[in-house]
């Protein structure tokens, strides 16, 4: 297995990583709305050893093989199979992912995304997503994060 320095992981995440929040209406939740923060890196399957090295360094998360047969248009575009490293466990985000990127800082738009993401994770950790006012604040931050991730505002 290859080894990657923490500084190189941060640099790699600037180009290939994503901090995001899955959110939407869900009747199973108290307020009828679900929010779940996650960090991921998606690469071609032949780069899986990079994700394994990142996973080993960060000490959390899972690696998934993406089934392109499920996604329309991937084979038409000639895309190769992909693997995804994903961390969505709230404790791992708070105790491992956020401290790692605070110690080995990101830069550019990824730093902006990380700062918004950190605010959202903190609010979820403080159970603010379980109150109407807190949920509304989180929804606004999620919108800001989505816009930044999509357009690099």
N, C-alpha and C. Protein backbone atom coordinates (compact mmCIF):
# COMPACT_ATOMS: atom_id res chain seq x y z
N UNK A 1 0.84 -1.19 0.00
CA UNK A 1 0.00 0.00 0.00
C UNK A 1 0.89 1.25 0.00
N UNK A 2 0.44 2.24 -0.72
CA UNK A 2 1.18 3.50 -0.76
C UNK A 2 0.90 4.29 0.52
N UNK A 3 1.79 5.22 0.83
CA UNK A 3 1.58 6.14 1.95
C UNK A 3 1.55 7.55 1.39
N UNK A 4 0.65 8.34 1.95
CA UNK A 4 0.50 9.72 1.51
C UNK A 4 0.62 10.61 2.74
N UNK A 5 1.42 11.66 2.65
CA UNK A 5 1.56 12.56 3.79
C UNK A 5 0.25 13.31 4.04
N UNK A 6 0.01 13.74 5.26
CA UNK A 6 -1.20 14.51 5.55
C UNK A 6 -1.31 15.77 4.69
N UNK A 7 -0.18 16.44 4.44
CA UNK A 7 -0.21 17.64 3.60
C UNK A 7 -0.64 17.30 2.17
N UNK A 8 -0.17 16.16 1.67
CA UNK A 8 -0.56 15.75 0.33
C UNK A 8 -2.03 15.37 0.28
N UNK A 9 -2.54 14.78 1.36
CA UNK A 9 -3.98 14.46 1.40
C UNK A 9 -4.79 15.75 1.29
N UNK A 10 -4.40 16.77 2.05
CA UNK A 10 -5.13 18.04 1.98
C UNK A 10 -5.09 18.63 0.58
N UNK A 11 -3.93 18.62 -0.03
CA UNK A 11 -3.81 19.12 -1.40
C UNK A 11 -4.65 18.31 -2.37
N UNK A 12 -4.67 17.01 -2.19
CA UNK A 12 -5.45 16.12 -3.05
C UNK A 12 -6.95 16.41 -2.91
N UNK A 13 -7.39 16.62 -1.66
CA UNK A 13 -8.80 16.91 -1.40
C UNK A 13 -9.23 18.23 -2.03
N UNK A 14 -8.33 19.20 -2.10
CA UNK A 14 -8.67 20.47 -2.75
C UNK A 14 -9.14 20.21 -4.19
N UNK A 15 -8.49 19.26 -4.86
CA UNK A 15 -8.87 18.96 -6.24
C UNK A 15 -9.94 17.89 -6.39
N UNK A 16 -9.94 16.90 -5.52
CA UNK A 16 -10.79 15.72 -5.73
C UNK A 16 -11.84 15.47 -4.65
N UNK A 17 -11.76 16.16 -3.52
CA UNK A 17 -12.67 15.88 -2.41
C UNK A 17 -13.93 16.72 -2.46
N UNK A 18 -14.90 16.33 -1.64
CA UNK A 18 -16.16 17.06 -1.58
C UNK A 18 -16.75 16.98 -0.16
N UNK A 19 -17.10 18.12 0.37
CA UNK A 19 -17.83 18.22 1.64
C UNK A 19 -19.26 18.57 1.26
N UNK A 20 -20.22 17.75 1.66
CA UNK A 20 -21.60 17.99 1.24
C UNK A 20 -22.57 17.53 2.30
N UNK A 21 -23.84 17.89 2.10
CA UNK A 21 -24.91 17.50 3.02
C UNK A 21 -26.08 16.99 2.20
N UNK A 22 -26.45 15.75 2.48
CA UNK A 22 -27.67 15.20 1.87
C UNK A 22 -28.83 15.73 2.70
N UNK A 23 -29.83 16.26 2.04
CA UNK A 23 -30.96 16.81 2.79
C UNK A 23 -32.23 16.69 1.95
N UNK A 24 -33.34 16.64 2.66
CA UNK A 24 -34.61 16.58 1.96
C UNK A 24 -35.73 16.12 2.88
N UNK A 25 -36.93 16.21 2.37
CA UNK A 25 -38.10 15.80 3.13
C UNK A 25 -38.03 14.30 3.39
N UNK A 26 -38.36 13.93 4.63
CA UNK A 26 -38.36 12.52 5.01
C UNK A 26 -39.28 12.37 6.22
N UNK A 27 -40.41 11.73 6.03
CA UNK A 27 -41.38 11.62 7.12
C UNK A 27 -40.90 10.82 8.32
N UNK A 28 -39.82 10.09 8.18
CA UNK A 28 -39.30 9.30 9.30
C UNK A 28 -38.67 10.17 10.38
N UNK A 29 -38.40 11.43 10.07
CA UNK A 29 -37.73 12.32 11.02
C UNK A 29 -38.73 13.23 11.71
N UNK A 30 -38.37 13.64 12.93
CA UNK A 30 -39.24 14.43 13.81
C UNK A 30 -39.85 15.64 13.09
N UNK A 31 -39.02 16.40 12.39
CA UNK A 31 -39.51 17.60 11.70
C UNK A 31 -39.83 17.33 10.23
N UNK A 32 -39.79 16.05 9.84
CA UNK A 32 -40.13 15.69 8.46
C UNK A 32 -39.04 16.05 7.47
N UNK A 33 -37.81 16.23 7.96
CA UNK A 33 -36.72 16.65 7.09
C UNK A 33 -35.42 16.01 7.58
N UNK A 34 -34.64 15.48 6.66
CA UNK A 34 -33.39 14.79 6.99
C UNK A 34 -32.20 15.63 6.54
N UNK A 35 -31.17 15.70 7.39
CA UNK A 35 -29.89 16.29 7.01
C UNK A 35 -28.79 15.32 7.44
N UNK A 36 -27.88 15.04 6.52
CA UNK A 36 -26.77 14.13 6.82
C UNK A 36 -25.53 14.64 6.12
N UNK A 37 -24.54 15.03 6.92
CA UNK A 37 -23.29 15.55 6.38
C UNK A 37 -22.38 14.40 5.97
N UNK A 38 -21.55 14.64 4.94
CA UNK A 38 -20.61 13.62 4.48
C UNK A 38 -19.42 14.27 3.79
N UNK A 39 -18.32 13.55 3.81
CA UNK A 39 -17.10 13.92 3.10
C UNK A 39 -16.78 12.76 2.17
N UNK A 40 -16.39 13.06 0.94
CA UNK A 40 -16.05 11.97 0.03
C UNK A 40 -14.98 12.37 -0.97
N UNK A 41 -14.39 11.34 -1.53
CA UNK A 41 -13.47 11.48 -2.65
C UNK A 41 -13.85 10.37 -3.62
N UNK A 42 -14.04 10.71 -4.88
CA UNK A 42 -14.38 9.71 -5.89
C UNK A 42 -13.30 9.72 -6.96
N UNK A 43 -12.81 8.51 -7.29
CA UNK A 43 -11.75 8.35 -8.28
C UNK A 43 -12.03 7.17 -9.19
N UNK A 44 -11.29 7.09 -10.26
CA UNK A 44 -11.36 5.90 -11.10
C UNK A 44 -10.92 4.69 -10.29
N UNK A 45 -11.50 3.56 -10.61
CA UNK A 45 -11.23 2.34 -9.87
C UNK A 45 -9.74 1.97 -9.83
N UNK A 46 -9.01 2.31 -10.89
CA UNK A 46 -7.59 1.95 -10.92
C UNK A 46 -6.75 2.85 -10.00
N UNK A 47 -7.37 3.81 -9.31
CA UNK A 47 -6.69 4.63 -8.30
C UNK A 47 -7.17 4.29 -6.89
N UNK A 48 -7.75 3.12 -6.71
CA UNK A 48 -8.31 2.74 -5.41
C UNK A 48 -7.26 2.78 -4.31
N UNK A 49 -6.00 2.47 -4.62
CA UNK A 49 -4.98 2.45 -3.57
C UNK A 49 -4.78 3.84 -2.95
N UNK A 50 -5.07 4.89 -3.70
CA UNK A 50 -5.00 6.24 -3.13
C UNK A 50 -6.06 6.39 -2.03
N UNK A 51 -7.28 5.94 -2.34
CA UNK A 51 -8.35 6.03 -1.35
C UNK A 51 -8.06 5.16 -0.13
N UNK A 52 -7.46 4.01 -0.35
CA UNK A 52 -7.10 3.13 0.77
C UNK A 52 -6.07 3.81 1.67
N UNK A 53 -5.12 4.53 1.08
CA UNK A 53 -4.11 5.25 1.88
C UNK A 53 -4.76 6.39 2.65
N UNK A 54 -5.69 7.09 2.03
CA UNK A 54 -6.40 8.17 2.72
C UNK A 54 -7.21 7.60 3.88
N UNK A 55 -7.92 6.51 3.62
CA UNK A 55 -8.72 5.86 4.66
C UNK A 55 -7.84 5.42 5.83
N UNK A 56 -6.69 4.86 5.54
CA UNK A 56 -5.78 4.42 6.59
C UNK A 56 -5.29 5.61 7.43
N UNK A 57 -4.93 6.69 6.77
CA UNK A 57 -4.44 7.88 7.48
C UNK A 57 -5.53 8.50 8.34
N UNK A 58 -6.76 8.61 7.81
CA UNK A 58 -7.84 9.26 8.53
C UNK A 58 -8.49 8.33 9.56
N UNK A 59 -8.33 7.04 9.37
CA UNK A 59 -8.82 6.08 10.34
C UNK A 59 -10.32 5.92 10.42
N UNK A 60 -11.00 6.21 9.31
CA UNK A 60 -12.45 6.07 9.31
C UNK A 60 -12.95 6.03 7.86
N UNK A 61 -14.24 5.82 7.71
CA UNK A 61 -14.86 5.85 6.40
C UNK A 61 -14.86 4.50 5.71
N UNK A 62 -15.55 4.47 4.57
CA UNK A 62 -15.69 3.25 3.78
C UNK A 62 -15.38 3.54 2.32
N UNK A 63 -14.98 2.51 1.61
CA UNK A 63 -14.72 2.61 0.18
C UNK A 63 -15.75 1.77 -0.55
N UNK A 64 -16.40 2.38 -1.54
CA UNK A 64 -17.46 1.73 -2.29
C UNK A 64 -17.08 1.66 -3.77
N UNK A 65 -17.46 0.57 -4.40
CA UNK A 65 -17.34 0.48 -5.85
C UNK A 65 -18.66 0.96 -6.43
N UNK A 66 -18.60 1.91 -7.35
CA UNK A 66 -19.81 2.46 -7.93
C UNK A 66 -20.21 1.62 -9.14
N UNK A 67 -21.45 1.23 -9.16
CA UNK A 67 -22.00 0.42 -10.24
C UNK A 67 -22.54 1.35 -11.32
N UNK A 68 -21.75 1.53 -12.36
CA UNK A 68 -22.17 2.45 -13.42
C UNK A 68 -23.35 1.92 -14.22
N UNK A 69 -23.65 0.64 -14.08
CA UNK A 69 -24.82 0.10 -14.75
C UNK A 69 -26.10 0.77 -14.26
N UNK A 70 -26.07 1.29 -13.03
CA UNK A 70 -27.24 1.97 -12.45
C UNK A 70 -27.38 3.39 -12.93
N UNK A 71 -26.29 4.00 -13.40
CA UNK A 71 -26.31 5.41 -13.75
C UNK A 71 -26.36 5.58 -15.27
N UNK A 72 -27.42 6.19 -15.73
CA UNK A 72 -27.59 6.40 -17.17
C UNK A 72 -26.54 7.36 -17.71
N UNK A 73 -26.02 7.06 -18.86
CA UNK A 73 -25.11 7.97 -19.53
C UNK A 73 -23.64 7.73 -19.25
N UNK A 74 -23.28 7.02 -18.19
CA UNK A 74 -21.88 6.82 -17.86
C UNK A 74 -21.17 6.00 -18.94
N UNK A 75 -21.78 4.89 -19.34
CA UNK A 75 -21.12 4.06 -20.34
C UNK A 75 -21.09 4.76 -21.69
N UNK A 76 -22.10 5.55 -22.00
CA UNK A 76 -22.11 6.29 -23.27
C UNK A 76 -20.98 7.31 -23.33
N UNK A 77 -20.60 7.84 -22.18
CA UNK A 77 -19.52 8.83 -22.12
C UNK A 77 -18.15 8.16 -22.09
N UNK A 78 -18.13 6.82 -21.99
CA UNK A 78 -16.87 6.11 -21.96
C UNK A 78 -16.15 6.19 -20.63
N UNK A 79 -16.88 6.48 -19.55
CA UNK A 79 -16.26 6.60 -18.24
C UNK A 79 -15.86 5.24 -17.71
N UNK A 80 -14.75 5.22 -17.03
CA UNK A 80 -14.25 4.00 -16.39
C UNK A 80 -14.98 3.79 -15.06
N UNK A 81 -14.98 2.55 -14.54
CA UNK A 81 -15.57 2.32 -13.21
C UNK A 81 -14.87 3.17 -12.15
N UNK A 82 -15.64 3.58 -11.15
CA UNK A 82 -15.15 4.46 -10.10
C UNK A 82 -15.27 3.81 -8.72
N UNK A 83 -14.49 4.33 -7.77
CA UNK A 83 -14.60 3.98 -6.36
C UNK A 83 -14.77 5.28 -5.58
N UNK A 84 -15.47 5.16 -4.46
CA UNK A 84 -15.72 6.34 -3.64
C UNK A 84 -15.35 6.05 -2.20
N UNK A 85 -14.59 6.97 -1.62
CA UNK A 85 -14.30 6.96 -0.19
C UNK A 85 -15.28 7.92 0.45
N UNK A 86 -16.01 7.47 1.47
CA UNK A 86 -17.05 8.31 2.06
C UNK A 86 -17.05 8.17 3.58
N UNK A 87 -17.16 9.33 4.24
CA UNK A 87 -17.29 9.38 5.70
C UNK A 87 -18.57 10.15 6.00
N UNK A 88 -19.54 9.47 6.62
CA UNK A 88 -20.78 10.16 6.99
C UNK A 88 -21.13 9.98 8.46
N UNK A 89 -20.37 9.18 9.17
CA UNK A 89 -20.60 9.00 10.60
C UNK A 89 -20.31 10.32 11.32
N UNK A 90 -21.29 10.82 12.04
CA UNK A 90 -21.18 12.13 12.70
C UNK A 90 -19.98 12.19 13.65
N UNK A 91 -19.78 11.12 14.41
CA UNK A 91 -18.65 11.10 15.34
C UNK A 91 -17.32 11.18 14.59
N UNK A 92 -17.19 10.43 13.49
CA UNK A 92 -15.96 10.47 12.70
C UNK A 92 -15.74 11.85 12.08
N UNK A 93 -16.81 12.48 11.64
CA UNK A 93 -16.68 13.83 11.07
C UNK A 93 -16.16 14.79 12.13
N UNK A 94 -16.73 14.70 13.35
CA UNK A 94 -16.35 15.62 14.43
C UNK A 94 -14.96 15.31 14.99
N UNK A 95 -14.66 14.04 15.19
CA UNK A 95 -13.42 13.67 15.88
C UNK A 95 -12.23 13.42 14.96
N UNK A 96 -12.47 13.16 13.69
CA UNK A 96 -11.36 12.82 12.79
C UNK A 96 -11.23 13.76 11.58
N UNK A 97 -12.31 13.90 10.82
CA UNK A 97 -12.24 14.65 9.56
C UNK A 97 -12.01 16.14 9.82
N UNK A 98 -12.85 16.76 10.62
CA UNK A 98 -12.72 18.20 10.86
C UNK A 98 -11.37 18.53 11.52
N UNK A 99 -10.97 17.82 12.59
CA UNK A 99 -9.65 18.13 13.17
C UNK A 99 -8.50 17.92 12.18
N UNK A 100 -8.60 16.92 11.32
CA UNK A 100 -7.53 16.68 10.35
C UNK A 100 -7.35 17.89 9.44
N UNK A 101 -8.47 18.38 8.88
CA UNK A 101 -8.37 19.51 7.94
C UNK A 101 -8.17 20.85 8.65
N UNK A 102 -8.38 20.90 9.94
CA UNK A 102 -7.98 22.09 10.70
C UNK A 102 -6.47 22.07 10.92
N UNK A 103 -5.91 20.88 11.13
CA UNK A 103 -4.47 20.77 11.33
C UNK A 103 -3.70 20.87 10.01
N UNK A 104 -4.27 20.34 8.93
CA UNK A 104 -3.64 20.37 7.60
C UNK A 104 -4.60 21.12 6.67
N UNK A 105 -4.54 22.46 6.71
CA UNK A 105 -5.56 23.30 6.07
C UNK A 105 -5.68 23.12 4.56
N UNK A 106 -6.92 23.29 4.15
CA UNK A 106 -7.26 23.35 2.73
C UNK A 106 -7.06 24.80 2.27
N UNK A 107 -7.31 25.05 0.99
CA UNK A 107 -7.22 26.42 0.49
C UNK A 107 -8.22 26.61 -0.64
N UNK A 108 -8.38 27.86 -1.05
CA UNK A 108 -9.28 28.18 -2.15
C UNK A 108 -10.74 27.91 -1.80
N UNK A 109 -11.51 27.55 -2.84
CA UNK A 109 -12.94 27.30 -2.66
C UNK A 109 -13.20 26.12 -1.73
N UNK A 110 -12.30 25.15 -1.73
CA UNK A 110 -12.49 23.99 -0.85
C UNK A 110 -12.45 24.40 0.62
N UNK A 111 -11.62 25.38 0.96
CA UNK A 111 -11.59 25.89 2.32
C UNK A 111 -12.92 26.54 2.67
N UNK A 112 -13.48 27.31 1.75
CA UNK A 112 -14.78 27.93 1.99
C UNK A 112 -15.85 26.86 2.21
N UNK A 113 -15.85 25.81 1.38
CA UNK A 113 -16.80 24.71 1.55
C UNK A 113 -16.62 24.05 2.91
N UNK A 114 -15.37 23.81 3.28
CA UNK A 114 -15.07 23.16 4.54
C UNK A 114 -15.59 23.98 5.72
N UNK A 115 -15.43 25.29 5.67
CA UNK A 115 -15.89 26.15 6.78
C UNK A 115 -17.41 26.09 6.93
N UNK A 116 -18.13 26.11 5.83
CA UNK A 116 -19.59 25.99 5.89
C UNK A 116 -19.98 24.60 6.39
N UNK A 117 -19.32 23.59 5.86
CA UNK A 117 -19.56 22.21 6.26
C UNK A 117 -19.35 22.05 7.77
N UNK A 118 -18.29 22.62 8.29
CA UNK A 118 -17.98 22.54 9.72
C UNK A 118 -19.09 23.17 10.55
N UNK A 119 -19.61 24.30 10.10
CA UNK A 119 -20.72 24.95 10.82
C UNK A 119 -21.95 24.05 10.84
N UNK A 120 -22.23 23.39 9.72
CA UNK A 120 -23.38 22.49 9.64
C UNK A 120 -23.19 21.30 10.57
N UNK A 121 -22.01 20.68 10.52
CA UNK A 121 -21.73 19.52 11.38
C UNK A 121 -21.83 19.92 12.86
N UNK A 122 -21.33 21.09 13.20
CA UNK A 122 -21.44 21.58 14.58
C UNK A 122 -22.90 21.72 15.00
N UNK A 123 -23.72 22.27 14.12
CA UNK A 123 -25.13 22.45 14.44
C UNK A 123 -25.84 21.10 14.59
N UNK A 124 -25.50 20.16 13.73
CA UNK A 124 -26.08 18.82 13.86
C UNK A 124 -25.62 18.18 15.17
N UNK A 125 -24.33 18.33 15.47
CA UNK A 125 -23.79 17.80 16.72
C UNK A 125 -24.44 18.39 17.96
N UNK A 126 -24.87 19.64 17.85
CA UNK A 126 -25.56 20.32 18.96
C UNK A 126 -27.07 20.09 18.92
N UNK A 127 -27.50 19.19 18.03
CA UNK A 127 -28.92 18.80 17.89
C UNK A 127 -29.81 19.95 17.42
N UNK A 128 -29.22 20.97 16.79
CA UNK A 128 -30.01 22.11 16.31
C UNK A 128 -30.93 21.71 15.16
N UNK A 129 -30.60 20.64 14.46
CA UNK A 129 -31.44 20.18 13.35
C UNK A 129 -32.77 19.61 13.85
N UNK A 130 -32.90 19.44 15.16
CA UNK A 130 -34.13 18.90 15.75
C UNK A 130 -35.10 20.00 16.19
N UNK A 131 -34.71 21.27 15.98
CA UNK A 131 -35.61 22.39 16.29
C UNK A 131 -35.95 23.10 14.99
N UNK A 132 -37.15 23.65 14.90
CA UNK A 132 -37.53 24.34 13.66
C UNK A 132 -36.57 25.46 13.27
N UNK A 133 -36.19 26.31 14.24
CA UNK A 133 -35.28 27.42 13.92
C UNK A 133 -33.90 26.91 13.51
N UNK A 134 -33.40 25.92 14.24
CA UNK A 134 -32.09 25.35 13.90
C UNK A 134 -32.10 24.70 12.54
N UNK A 135 -33.17 23.98 12.22
CA UNK A 135 -33.27 23.33 10.92
C UNK A 135 -33.28 24.37 9.79
N UNK A 136 -33.98 25.47 10.00
CA UNK A 136 -34.01 26.52 8.98
C UNK A 136 -32.61 27.12 8.76
N UNK A 137 -31.88 27.33 9.85
CA UNK A 137 -30.50 27.82 9.72
C UNK A 137 -29.64 26.83 8.94
N UNK A 138 -29.79 25.56 9.25
CA UNK A 138 -29.02 24.53 8.55
C UNK A 138 -29.39 24.49 7.08
N UNK A 139 -30.68 24.60 6.77
CA UNK A 139 -31.11 24.60 5.36
C UNK A 139 -30.45 25.74 4.58
N UNK A 140 -30.36 26.91 5.20
CA UNK A 140 -29.70 28.05 4.54
C UNK A 140 -28.22 27.75 4.29
N UNK A 141 -27.55 27.17 5.28
CA UNK A 141 -26.14 26.82 5.11
C UNK A 141 -25.96 25.74 4.05
N UNK A 142 -26.88 24.77 4.02
CA UNK A 142 -26.82 23.71 3.00
C UNK A 142 -26.96 24.31 1.61
N UNK A 143 -27.87 25.27 1.45
CA UNK A 143 -28.04 25.95 0.15
C UNK A 143 -26.76 26.67 -0.26
N UNK A 144 -26.14 27.33 0.70
CA UNK A 144 -24.88 28.04 0.45
C UNK A 144 -23.78 27.05 0.04
N UNK A 145 -23.71 25.93 0.75
CA UNK A 145 -22.71 24.91 0.44
C UNK A 145 -22.93 24.31 -0.94
N UNK A 146 -24.18 24.01 -1.27
CA UNK A 146 -24.49 23.44 -2.60
C UNK A 146 -24.10 24.42 -3.70
N UNK A 147 -24.42 25.68 -3.52
CA UNK A 147 -24.08 26.69 -4.53
C UNK A 147 -22.57 26.80 -4.69
N UNK A 148 -21.85 26.79 -3.60
CA UNK A 148 -20.39 26.88 -3.64
C UNK A 148 -19.79 25.66 -4.31
N UNK A 149 -20.30 24.47 -3.97
CA UNK A 149 -19.78 23.24 -4.58
C UNK A 149 -20.08 23.17 -6.06
N UNK A 150 -21.23 23.68 -6.44
CA UNK A 150 -21.65 23.60 -7.84
C UNK A 150 -20.99 24.66 -8.72
N UNK A 151 -20.96 25.87 -8.22
CA UNK A 151 -20.52 27.00 -9.05
C UNK A 151 -19.24 27.64 -8.59
N UNK A 152 -18.76 27.28 -7.41
CA UNK A 152 -17.53 27.88 -6.91
C UNK A 152 -17.67 29.35 -6.59
N UNK A 153 -18.82 29.73 -6.04
CA UNK A 153 -19.08 31.14 -5.71
C UNK A 153 -18.13 31.64 -4.66
